[in-house]
Amino acid sequence: MTTTLRRLPAATGRVTGALTGMLAAALLAGCGTPDLTGGAPSPAPVGQAAASSATTPGTELTPEATPSAESTGTSEAADNPTPDETGTARPSGGSKAADVAFARQMVPHHLQALEMARLAQTRAGDPWVGQFAAKVATARDTDIRTFKGWLDMWGAEPLPRDHAMPGTQTRAEIEALAKLSGPSFDQKYVALMIKHDNGAIKLARTEQAEGAFEGAKALAVATATSLGAEVKELKKYQALLD
């Protein structure tokens, strides 16, 4: 009976007025008066609309073929935020723009620290600098994996590798560092890492103040704490070089 009601407008264009009246009377007698105030479907969520656009043109979707929110127990749009034109996800369900921005920034920020750490492991003059850089590489690699996992979940991408952010070096500065070795490398690396860590601490504090996702906020606290300790360690070593 539901299918007949949905196809009735198409059929009534081909029948006579008398037959229309007979059909309407029969339907009213068997089904009661249809609800004309609540029969229009609500707009589909963005995620469902995107899925519908992939359906073969001309294919009619029936209620039996289209799972409802009640049958699935969840909303696809809530679990899969849609990126906007800039690549930033619109997070939902416990996260917000500040969390996504933090993760997008920290991936390239940490990648640059990794790049400098790898240079230090082959070009440093003091073994202490090489050992420090090895610890940096291990810690940053772990965090990068975490941030990328969140971005995948949110449907967002990291910022470009050399995107300018607090504490980051220009490509020219990295290339100049790569040409140094021994004590001159040590001095430059330590100075750049102090600046780099302070920039990451600034990003982490922004996340602590503005973020909503508890995982990101907890990692921001850990980042600010561990990098603050790194800066103190680097400054002590820097004082020995002066």
Protein backbone atom coordinates (compact mmCIF):
# COMPACT_ATOMS: atom_id res chain seq x y z
CA MET A 1 0.00 0.00 0.00
CA THR A 2 2.95 2.33 0.64
CA THR A 3 4.22 1.85 -2.94
CA THR A 4 0.79 2.63 -4.40
CA LEU A 5 0.60 5.88 -2.48
CA ARG A 6 4.00 7.00 -3.71
CA ARG A 7 3.24 6.26 -7.38
CA LEU A 8 -0.30 7.62 -7.36
CA PRO A 9 0.69 11.13 -8.61
CA ALA A 10 2.23 9.62 -11.74
CA ALA A 11 -0.76 7.42 -12.36
CA THR A 12 -3.38 10.10 -11.92
CA GLY A 13 -1.95 12.02 -14.90
CA ARG A 14 -3.17 9.21 -17.19
CA VAL A 15 -6.63 8.39 -15.87
CA THR A 16 -9.95 10.15 -16.16
CA GLY A 17 -11.48 12.30 -13.46
CA ALA A 18 -13.98 9.62 -12.60
CA LEU A 19 -11.37 6.92 -12.17
CA THR A 20 -9.33 9.29 -10.04
CA GLY A 21 -12.24 9.78 -7.69
CA MET A 22 -12.81 6.02 -7.43
CA LEU A 23 -9.16 5.33 -6.67
CA ALA A 24 -9.02 8.12 -4.08
CA ALA A 25 -12.16 6.83 -2.36
CA ALA A 26 -10.75 3.31 -2.25
CA LEU A 27 -7.47 4.46 -0.83
CA LEU A 28 -9.12 6.62 1.82
CA ALA A 29 -11.37 3.78 2.84
CA GLY A 30 -8.47 1.33 3.20
CA CYS A 31 -5.75 3.57 4.64
CA GLY A 32 -7.35 6.57 6.26
CA THR A 33 -6.52 10.17 5.48
CA PRO A 34 -2.84 10.67 4.59
CA ASP A 35 -0.77 13.05 6.74
CA LEU A 36 -0.15 16.07 4.54
CA THR A 37 1.78 18.02 7.15
CA GLY A 38 4.59 15.60 7.97
CA GLY A 39 4.99 13.57 4.80
CA ALA A 40 7.91 15.52 3.28
CA PRO A 41 11.29 13.86 4.01
CA SER A 42 13.95 15.80 5.91
CA PRO A 43 17.10 16.82 4.00
CA ALA A 44 19.67 14.01 4.04
CA PRO A 45 22.93 14.51 5.96
CA VAL A 46 25.92 15.57 3.89
CA GLY A 47 27.50 12.12 4.10
CA GLN A 48 24.32 10.41 2.89
CA ALA A 49 23.89 12.96 0.10
CA ALA A 50 27.40 12.26 -1.13
CA ALA A 51 26.70 8.54 -1.11
CA SER A 52 23.46 9.06 -3.01
CA SER A 53 25.25 10.98 -5.77
CA ALA A 54 27.21 7.83 -6.59
CA THR A 55 24.03 5.88 -7.35
CA THR A 56 23.48 4.96 -10.99
CA PRO A 57 21.28 7.62 -12.64
CA GLY A 58 17.70 6.47 -13.08
CA THR A 59 17.85 3.91 -10.26
CA GLU A 60 14.98 4.29 -7.80
CA LEU A 61 15.96 3.88 -4.15
CA THR A 62 13.29 2.18 -2.05
CA PRO A 63 12.94 2.35 1.74
CA GLU A 64 14.05 -1.30 1.87
CA ALA A 65 17.29 -0.53 -0.03
CA THR A 66 18.19 2.60 1.95
CA PRO A 67 19.23 1.98 5.60
CA SER A 68 17.75 4.43 8.06
CA ALA A 69 19.49 6.11 11.00
CA GLU A 70 17.49 3.82 13.32
CA SER A 71 18.62 0.63 11.56
CA THR A 72 22.30 1.54 11.50
CA GLY A 73 22.38 3.04 14.97
CA THR A 74 24.71 5.82 13.92
CA SER A 75 25.11 8.71 11.49
CA GLU A 76 27.72 8.51 8.76
CA ALA A 77 27.97 12.30 8.66
CA ALA A 78 28.77 12.41 12.37
CA ASP A 79 31.64 9.91 12.03
CA ASN A 80 33.09 11.30 8.80
CA PRO A 81 33.46 15.09 8.79
CA THR A 82 33.56 16.62 5.34
CA PRO A 83 36.65 18.66 4.38
CA ASP A 84 35.94 22.17 3.20
CA GLU A 85 37.56 23.85 0.20
CA THR A 86 40.79 24.56 2.14
CA GLY A 87 41.27 20.97 3.23
CA THR A 88 40.25 21.60 6.84
CA ALA A 89 37.78 19.07 8.19
CA ARG A 90 34.59 20.09 9.90
CA PRO A 91 34.91 17.82 12.92
CA SER A 92 31.96 16.67 14.96
CA GLY A 93 31.27 14.38 17.85
CA GLY A 94 33.75 15.77 20.38
CA SER A 95 36.28 17.59 18.21
CA LYS A 96 36.37 20.99 16.61
CA ALA A 97 38.36 23.18 14.23
CA ALA A 98 41.13 23.91 16.76
CA ASP A 99 41.86 20.19 17.15
CA VAL A 100 42.11 19.66 13.41
CA ALA A 101 44.28 22.75 12.97
CA PHE A 102 46.62 21.53 15.73
CA ALA A 103 47.08 18.12 14.10
CA ARG A 104 47.52 19.62 10.62
CA GLN A 105 50.24 21.96 11.91
CA MET A 106 52.09 19.50 14.11
CA VAL A 107 52.73 16.93 11.38
CA PRO A 108 54.95 19.18 9.22
CA HIS A 109 56.34 20.88 12.34
CA HIS A 110 57.56 17.54 13.71
CA LEU A 111 58.72 16.41 10.26
CA GLN A 112 61.11 19.35 10.17
CA ALA A 113 62.45 18.40 13.62
CA LEU A 114 62.98 14.88 12.26
CA GLU A 115 64.85 16.24 9.27
CA MET A 116 67.20 18.26 11.47
CA ALA A 117 67.67 15.31 13.85
CA ARG A 118 68.78 13.08 10.98
CA LEU A 119 71.31 15.68 9.94
CA ALA A 120 72.62 15.82 13.50
CA GLN A 121 73.13 12.06 13.65
CA THR A 122 75.65 12.26 10.80
CA ARG A 123 77.08 15.80 11.04
CA ALA A 124 77.27 16.59 14.75
CA GLY A 125 80.71 16.99 16.33
CA ASP A 126 79.73 16.36 19.94
CA PRO A 127 78.29 12.91 20.73
CA TRP A 128 75.82 14.61 23.09
CA VAL A 129 74.21 16.41 20.13
CA GLY A 130 73.85 13.15 18.20
CA GLN A 131 72.31 11.39 21.20
CA PHE A 132 69.92 14.27 21.80
CA ALA A 133 68.87 14.21 18.15
CA ALA A 134 68.22 10.45 18.30
CA LYS A 135 65.80 10.97 21.21
CA VAL A 136 64.09 13.77 19.28
CA ALA A 137 63.65 11.53 16.22
CA THR A 138 62.02 8.74 18.24
CA ALA A 139 59.62 11.04 20.07
CA ARG A 140 58.57 13.03 17.00
CA ASP A 141 57.99 9.92 14.88
CA THR A 142 55.57 8.53 17.47
CA ASP A 143 53.62 11.79 17.66
CA ILE A 144 53.44 12.12 13.87
CA ARG A 145 51.78 8.72 13.64
CA THR A 146 49.22 9.77 16.24
CA PHE A 147 48.43 13.06 14.49
CA LYS A 148 48.09 11.36 11.11
CA GLY A 149 45.70 8.82 12.58
CA TRP A 150 43.45 11.61 13.85
CA LEU A 151 43.58 13.45 10.54
CA ASP A 152 42.57 10.27 8.71
CA MET A 153 39.65 9.89 11.11
CA TRP A 154 38.62 13.51 10.54
CA GLY A 155 39.08 13.43 6.75
CA ALA A 156 41.76 16.14 6.79
CA GLU A 157 45.31 16.44 5.46
CA PRO A 158 48.49 17.85 7.08
CA LEU A 159 49.68 21.28 6.02
CA PRO A 160 52.41 21.40 3.33
CA ARG A 161 55.86 20.29 4.42
CA ASP A 162 57.48 23.77 4.44
CA HIS A 163 54.42 25.69 5.63
CA ALA A 164 55.52 28.67 7.77
CA MET A 165 54.56 28.22 11.43
CA PRO A 166 55.86 29.40 14.80
CA GLY A 167 59.41 28.10 15.26
CA THR A 168 59.89 26.52 11.84
CA GLN A 169 62.92 27.16 9.67
CA THR A 170 62.91 28.16 6.02
CA ARG A 171 64.14 25.74 3.40
CA ALA A 172 67.23 27.93 2.97
CA GLU A 173 68.02 27.61 6.70
CA ILE A 174 67.74 23.80 6.55
CA GLU A 175 69.98 23.65 3.49
CA ALA A 176 72.55 25.88 5.21
CA LEU A 177 72.50 23.60 8.27
CA ALA A 178 73.11 20.58 6.05
CA LYS A 179 76.36 22.13 4.82
CA LEU A 180 77.81 22.40 8.34
CA SER A 181 79.61 19.77 10.38
CA GLY A 182 81.42 19.45 13.69
CA PRO A 183 81.25 22.26 16.28
CA SER A 184 79.73 24.74 13.80
CA PHE A 185 76.89 22.32 13.16
CA ASP A 186 76.37 21.75 16.89
CA GLN A 187 76.01 25.47 17.60
CA LYS A 188 73.59 26.06 14.74
CA TYR A 189 71.52 22.95 15.42
CA VAL A 190 71.07 23.80 19.10
CA ALA A 191 70.03 27.38 18.29
CA LEU A 192 67.52 26.24 15.66
CA MET A 193 66.05 23.56 17.92
CA ILE A 194 65.46 26.02 20.75
CA LYS A 195 63.48 28.19 18.35
CA HIS A 196 61.72 25.16 16.87
CA ASP A 197 60.65 23.73 20.23
CA ASN A 198 59.38 27.08 21.48
CA GLY A 199 57.22 27.35 18.36
CA ALA A 200 55.72 23.89 18.93
CA ILE A 201 55.02 24.81 22.57
CA LYS A 202 53.08 27.84 21.33
CA LEU A 203 50.94 25.63 19.06
CA ALA A 204 50.36 23.19 21.91
CA ARG A 205 49.19 25.93 24.26
CA THR A 206 46.74 27.16 21.64
CA GLU A 207 45.29 23.66 21.47
CA GLN A 208 45.03 23.50 25.26
CA ALA A 209 43.08 26.76 25.28
CA GLU A 210 40.84 26.22 22.26
CA GLY A 211 40.62 22.48 21.58
CA ALA A 212 37.75 20.16 22.46
CA PHE A 213 39.03 16.68 21.59
CA GLU A 214 40.44 15.21 24.80
CA GLY A 215 43.08 13.13 23.03
CA ALA A 216 44.53 16.16 21.26
CA LYS A 217 44.40 18.30 24.39
CA ALA A 218 46.21 15.62 26.40
CA LEU A 219 48.92 15.34 23.74
CA ALA A 220 49.22 19.14 23.70
CA VAL A 221 49.90 19.11 27.45
CA ALA A 222 52.51 16.37 27.02
CA THR A 223 54.09 18.26 24.10
CA ALA A 224 54.41 21.51 26.03
CA THR A 225 55.92 19.67 29.00
CA SER A 226 58.42 17.53 27.11
CA LEU A 227 59.53 20.27 24.73
CA GLY A 228 59.87 22.70 27.62
CA ALA A 229 62.30 20.22 29.19
CA GLU A 230 64.15 19.96 25.86
CA VAL A 231 64.56 23.73 25.68
CA LYS A 232 66.08 23.83 29.18
CA GLU A 233 68.47 21.03 28.25
CA LEU A 234 69.46 22.75 25.02
CA LYS A 235 70.06 26.08 26.74
CA LYS A 236 72.33 24.46 29.30
CA TYR A 237 74.36 22.92 26.51
CA GLN A 238 74.36 26.18 24.57
CA ALA A 239 75.85 27.96 27.60
CA LEU A 240 78.76 25.52 27.52
CA LEU A 241 79.44 26.40 23.88
CA ASP A 242 79.61 30.15 24.53
